[in-house]
Amino acid sequence: MLTPELWQDLLEQYGLRVHSITVLDAPEADNHASYRLFQVRRPAHITARPRTAKPPAAHAALGVGAVLHGPQGLLLGRHRLGTRELPGGTVEPGESLQQAVVRELAEETGLTADPADVRLLGILLDHVGDIVRVTCGAVVTHWHGEPADQSGESVGDWRWWPLDALPPDLFECSAQILTAWRPDLPINHTPAHYTPINHPPTAST
């Protein structure tokens, strides 16, 4: 006879979460039958969808996406084509990846940050049609100001979202960055080859 703990382990191995276990004993005094009622559910997974099926004109595209997570939640904006996404965009000639994150953050949200406060997560490589798409995910550890819509930008309606209630219409690159940052987030997206950036260890204080 399997113990409740073993049943719970088996159920969780198949992607189910146990919410409660109810003991059901037979009402007759001489009947020793006892049952366990497990209440379980399968966690909902968020499905990412591409923002557009039309590939960019260039043969390769290099972009950055920034994770800003604080007490209010995760910062996401709405693209004019309907998807929710992280602040970010295309790296301009001569820019470092950190400088691109800071510039895009200011242009899209009005928030200011220092390149020294941008920690690169890693590089995501995938294909959109015939285009090689290279995206660098980054975490901004400190910033100043409040996010607001900026004139002429294609992304606005900036909001802070709790990690356990992310919107279902995430832009593909943003979804890939978020799962690189937090692999435990229940986000579905097309696969991308991820190469983490190893940071040198910092001295203990």
Protein backbone atom coordinates (compact mmCIF):
# COMPACT_ATOMS: atom_id res chain seq x y z
CA MET A 1 0.00 0.00 0.00
CA LEU A 2 1.61 3.25 -1.16
CA THR A 3 1.94 6.04 1.37
CA PRO A 4 0.31 9.46 0.66
CA GLU A 5 3.81 10.93 0.37
CA LEU A 6 4.74 8.46 -2.36
CA TRP A 7 1.48 9.11 -4.24
CA GLN A 8 2.18 12.84 -4.06
CA ASP A 9 5.69 12.35 -5.44
CA LEU A 10 4.33 10.25 -8.32
CA LEU A 11 1.65 12.80 -9.17
CA GLU A 12 4.16 15.68 -9.14
CA GLN A 13 6.47 13.71 -11.46
CA TYR A 14 3.66 13.85 -14.02
CA GLY A 15 3.25 17.62 -13.69
CA LEU A 16 0.36 17.70 -11.20
CA ARG A 17 0.25 19.76 -8.02
CA VAL A 18 -1.43 18.31 -4.95
CA HIS A 19 -3.65 20.83 -3.12
CA SER A 20 -5.20 18.59 -0.48
CA ILE A 21 -5.50 14.98 0.69
CA THR A 22 -8.79 13.87 2.28
CA VAL A 23 -9.00 10.67 4.35
CA LEU A 24 -12.19 8.64 3.70
CA ASP A 25 -12.71 5.90 6.28
CA ALA A 26 -15.52 3.34 6.12
CA PRO A 27 -18.39 4.26 8.52
CA GLU A 28 -18.75 0.73 9.94
CA ALA A 29 -16.72 0.02 13.06
CA ASP A 30 -15.64 -3.41 11.82
CA ASN A 31 -14.72 -2.18 8.34
CA HIS A 32 -11.08 -1.10 8.22
CA ALA A 33 -11.17 0.14 4.63
CA SER A 34 -9.64 3.60 4.27
CA TYR A 35 -9.23 5.71 1.14
CA ARG A 36 -7.35 8.86 0.22
CA LEU A 37 -8.89 11.52 -2.04
CA PHE A 38 -6.23 13.62 -3.74
CA GLN A 39 -7.25 17.02 -5.10
CA VAL A 40 -4.76 17.98 -7.79
CA ARG A 41 -4.46 20.31 -10.74
CA ARG A 42 -2.11 20.81 -13.65
CA PRO A 43 -0.56 24.32 -13.56
CA ALA A 44 -1.55 26.54 -16.46
CA HIS A 45 1.32 27.40 -18.80
CA ILE A 46 1.55 30.73 -20.55
CA THR A 47 1.90 30.47 -24.31
CA ALA A 48 4.04 33.01 -26.11
CA ARG A 49 3.13 33.99 -29.67
CA PRO A 50 5.27 35.78 -32.26
CA ARG A 51 4.58 39.48 -32.64
CA THR A 52 4.52 39.18 -36.43
CA ALA A 53 5.19 36.50 -39.04
CA LYS A 54 7.03 38.96 -41.29
CA PRO A 55 10.82 38.76 -40.83
CA PRO A 56 12.98 41.89 -40.69
CA ALA A 57 14.74 42.97 -43.87
CA ALA A 58 18.26 42.24 -42.58
CA HIS A 59 19.82 38.78 -42.69
CA ALA A 60 20.65 38.94 -38.97
CA ALA A 61 19.22 40.97 -36.11
CA LEU A 62 20.93 41.80 -32.81
CA GLY A 63 18.79 43.04 -29.97
CA VAL A 64 18.59 43.37 -26.20
CA GLY A 65 15.80 42.80 -23.72
CA ALA A 66 15.85 44.09 -20.15
CA VAL A 67 14.36 42.48 -17.05
CA LEU A 68 13.29 45.02 -14.42
CA HIS A 69 11.86 43.26 -11.39
CA GLY A 70 11.13 45.02 -8.12
CA PRO A 71 8.62 45.18 -5.29
CA GLN A 72 5.83 46.09 -7.73
CA GLY A 73 6.55 43.18 -10.05
CA LEU A 74 7.99 42.73 -13.55
CA LEU A 75 7.89 45.63 -16.03
CA LEU A 76 6.15 44.85 -19.34
CA GLY A 77 4.76 47.09 -22.08
CA ARG A 78 2.28 46.51 -24.89
CA HIS A 79 3.52 46.67 -28.48
CA ARG A 80 1.21 48.33 -30.98
CA LEU A 81 0.86 44.91 -32.64
CA GLY A 82 -0.60 43.48 -29.44
CA THR A 83 2.12 41.53 -27.66
CA ARG A 84 3.46 42.26 -24.19
CA GLU A 85 7.22 42.63 -23.97
CA LEU A 86 10.24 43.67 -21.95
CA PRO A 87 11.95 47.01 -22.60
CA GLY A 88 14.55 46.62 -25.32
CA GLY A 89 15.31 46.83 -28.99
CA THR A 90 18.03 46.79 -31.62
CA VAL A 91 21.67 47.45 -30.76
CA GLU A 92 22.96 50.46 -32.66
CA PRO A 93 26.42 50.59 -34.30
CA GLY A 94 29.17 51.35 -31.80
CA GLU A 95 27.09 50.54 -28.72
CA SER A 96 27.94 48.03 -26.06
CA LEU A 97 25.11 45.72 -25.02
CA GLN A 98 24.84 47.51 -21.68
CA GLN A 99 24.65 50.91 -23.39
CA ALA A 100 21.92 49.62 -25.69
CA VAL A 101 19.87 48.45 -22.69
CA VAL A 102 20.18 51.85 -20.98
CA ARG A 103 19.31 53.79 -24.15
CA GLU A 104 16.30 51.61 -25.04
CA LEU A 105 15.06 51.79 -21.46
CA ALA A 106 15.12 55.59 -21.51
CA GLU A 107 13.62 55.85 -25.01
CA GLU A 108 10.73 53.48 -24.32
CA THR A 109 9.90 54.05 -20.65
CA GLY A 110 11.61 57.26 -19.51
CA LEU A 111 13.51 55.33 -16.84
CA THR A 112 17.20 56.09 -16.39
CA ALA A 113 19.92 53.61 -15.45
CA ASP A 114 23.68 53.28 -15.50
CA PRO A 115 25.43 50.71 -17.72
CA ALA A 116 27.27 49.53 -14.60
CA ASP A 117 23.88 48.41 -13.20
CA VAL A 118 23.13 46.20 -16.22
CA ARG A 119 23.97 42.52 -15.72
CA LEU A 120 24.03 40.46 -18.91
CA LEU A 121 22.31 37.08 -18.61
CA GLY A 122 23.33 35.41 -21.86
CA ILE A 123 22.78 35.13 -25.60
CA LEU A 124 19.70 33.59 -27.23
CA LEU A 125 20.01 32.41 -30.82
CA ASP A 126 17.07 31.36 -33.00
CA HIS A 127 15.62 31.77 -36.49
CA VAL A 128 12.64 33.74 -37.75
CA GLY A 129 12.14 32.63 -41.35
CA ASP A 130 15.57 33.08 -42.97
CA ILE A 131 16.72 35.58 -40.32
CA VAL A 132 19.24 34.71 -37.65
CA ARG A 133 18.01 36.44 -34.50
CA VAL A 134 20.51 37.11 -31.71
CA THR A 135 19.06 38.46 -28.47
CA CYS A 136 20.96 39.34 -25.32
CA GLY A 137 18.96 39.17 -22.12
CA ALA A 138 19.92 41.50 -19.28
CA VAL A 139 18.84 42.35 -15.75
CA VAL A 140 18.78 45.99 -14.66
CA THR A 141 19.52 46.04 -10.92
CA HIS A 142 18.97 49.77 -10.26
CA TRP A 143 16.96 52.43 -12.08
CA HIS A 144 15.40 55.83 -11.46
CA GLY A 145 11.98 57.26 -12.23
CA GLU A 146 8.57 55.83 -13.02
CA PRO A 147 7.76 54.12 -16.36
CA ALA A 148 5.61 56.17 -18.71
CA ASP A 149 4.62 56.10 -22.38
CA GLN A 150 7.07 57.96 -24.61
CA SER A 151 6.10 59.86 -27.74
CA GLY A 152 6.77 58.07 -31.02
CA GLU A 153 7.56 54.68 -29.45
CA SER A 154 5.86 51.47 -30.57
CA VAL A 155 5.63 50.09 -27.02
CA GLY A 156 3.62 51.70 -24.22
CA ASP A 157 1.05 50.97 -21.52
CA TRP A 158 3.87 50.05 -19.14
CA ARG A 159 2.71 48.03 -16.15
CA TRP A 160 4.20 45.99 -13.32
CA TRP A 161 3.10 42.35 -13.39
CA PRO A 162 3.38 39.75 -10.61
CA LEU A 163 5.43 36.74 -11.68
CA ASP A 164 2.57 34.36 -10.85
CA ALA A 165 0.12 36.26 -13.10
CA LEU A 166 2.05 37.11 -16.28
CA PRO A 167 -0.02 37.97 -19.37
CA PRO A 168 -0.61 35.22 -21.96
CA ASP A 169 0.47 37.31 -24.97
CA LEU A 170 4.22 37.60 -24.38
CA PHE A 171 6.47 38.47 -27.31
CA GLU A 172 8.64 35.49 -28.19
CA CYS A 173 12.02 37.10 -27.40
CA SER A 174 10.74 38.39 -24.07
CA ALA A 175 9.44 34.92 -23.18
CA GLN A 176 12.83 33.40 -24.01
CA ILE A 177 14.67 35.95 -21.86
CA LEU A 178 12.32 35.44 -18.93
CA THR A 179 12.81 31.68 -18.88
CA ALA A 180 16.59 32.19 -19.13
CA TRP A 181 16.32 34.49 -16.11
CA ARG A 182 13.87 32.29 -14.17
CA PRO A 183 13.59 28.75 -15.59
CA ASP A 184 10.77 27.99 -13.12
CA LEU A 185 8.36 30.43 -14.79
CA PRO A 186 5.52 28.54 -16.58
CA ILE A 187 6.06 30.10 -20.02
CA ASN A 188 5.85 28.20 -23.32
CA HIS A 189 7.78 29.50 -26.33
CA THR A 190 9.64 28.29 -29.38
CA PRO A 191 13.08 27.00 -28.39
CA ALA A 192 16.22 29.09 -28.72
CA HIS A 193 19.84 28.14 -28.18
CA TYR A 194 20.90 29.83 -24.93
CA THR A 195 24.50 30.57 -23.94
CA PRO A 196 24.81 32.04 -20.44
CA ILE A 197 27.35 34.73 -19.74
CA ASN A 198 29.61 33.74 -16.86
CA HIS A 199 30.28 36.61 -14.52
CA PRO A 200 33.46 36.74 -12.40
CA PRO A 201 32.81 36.01 -8.73
CA THR A 202 32.48 39.04 -6.49
CA ALA A 203 34.32 39.38 -3.19
CA SER A 204 32.29 38.67 -0.06
CA THR A 205 31.58 41.61 2.20
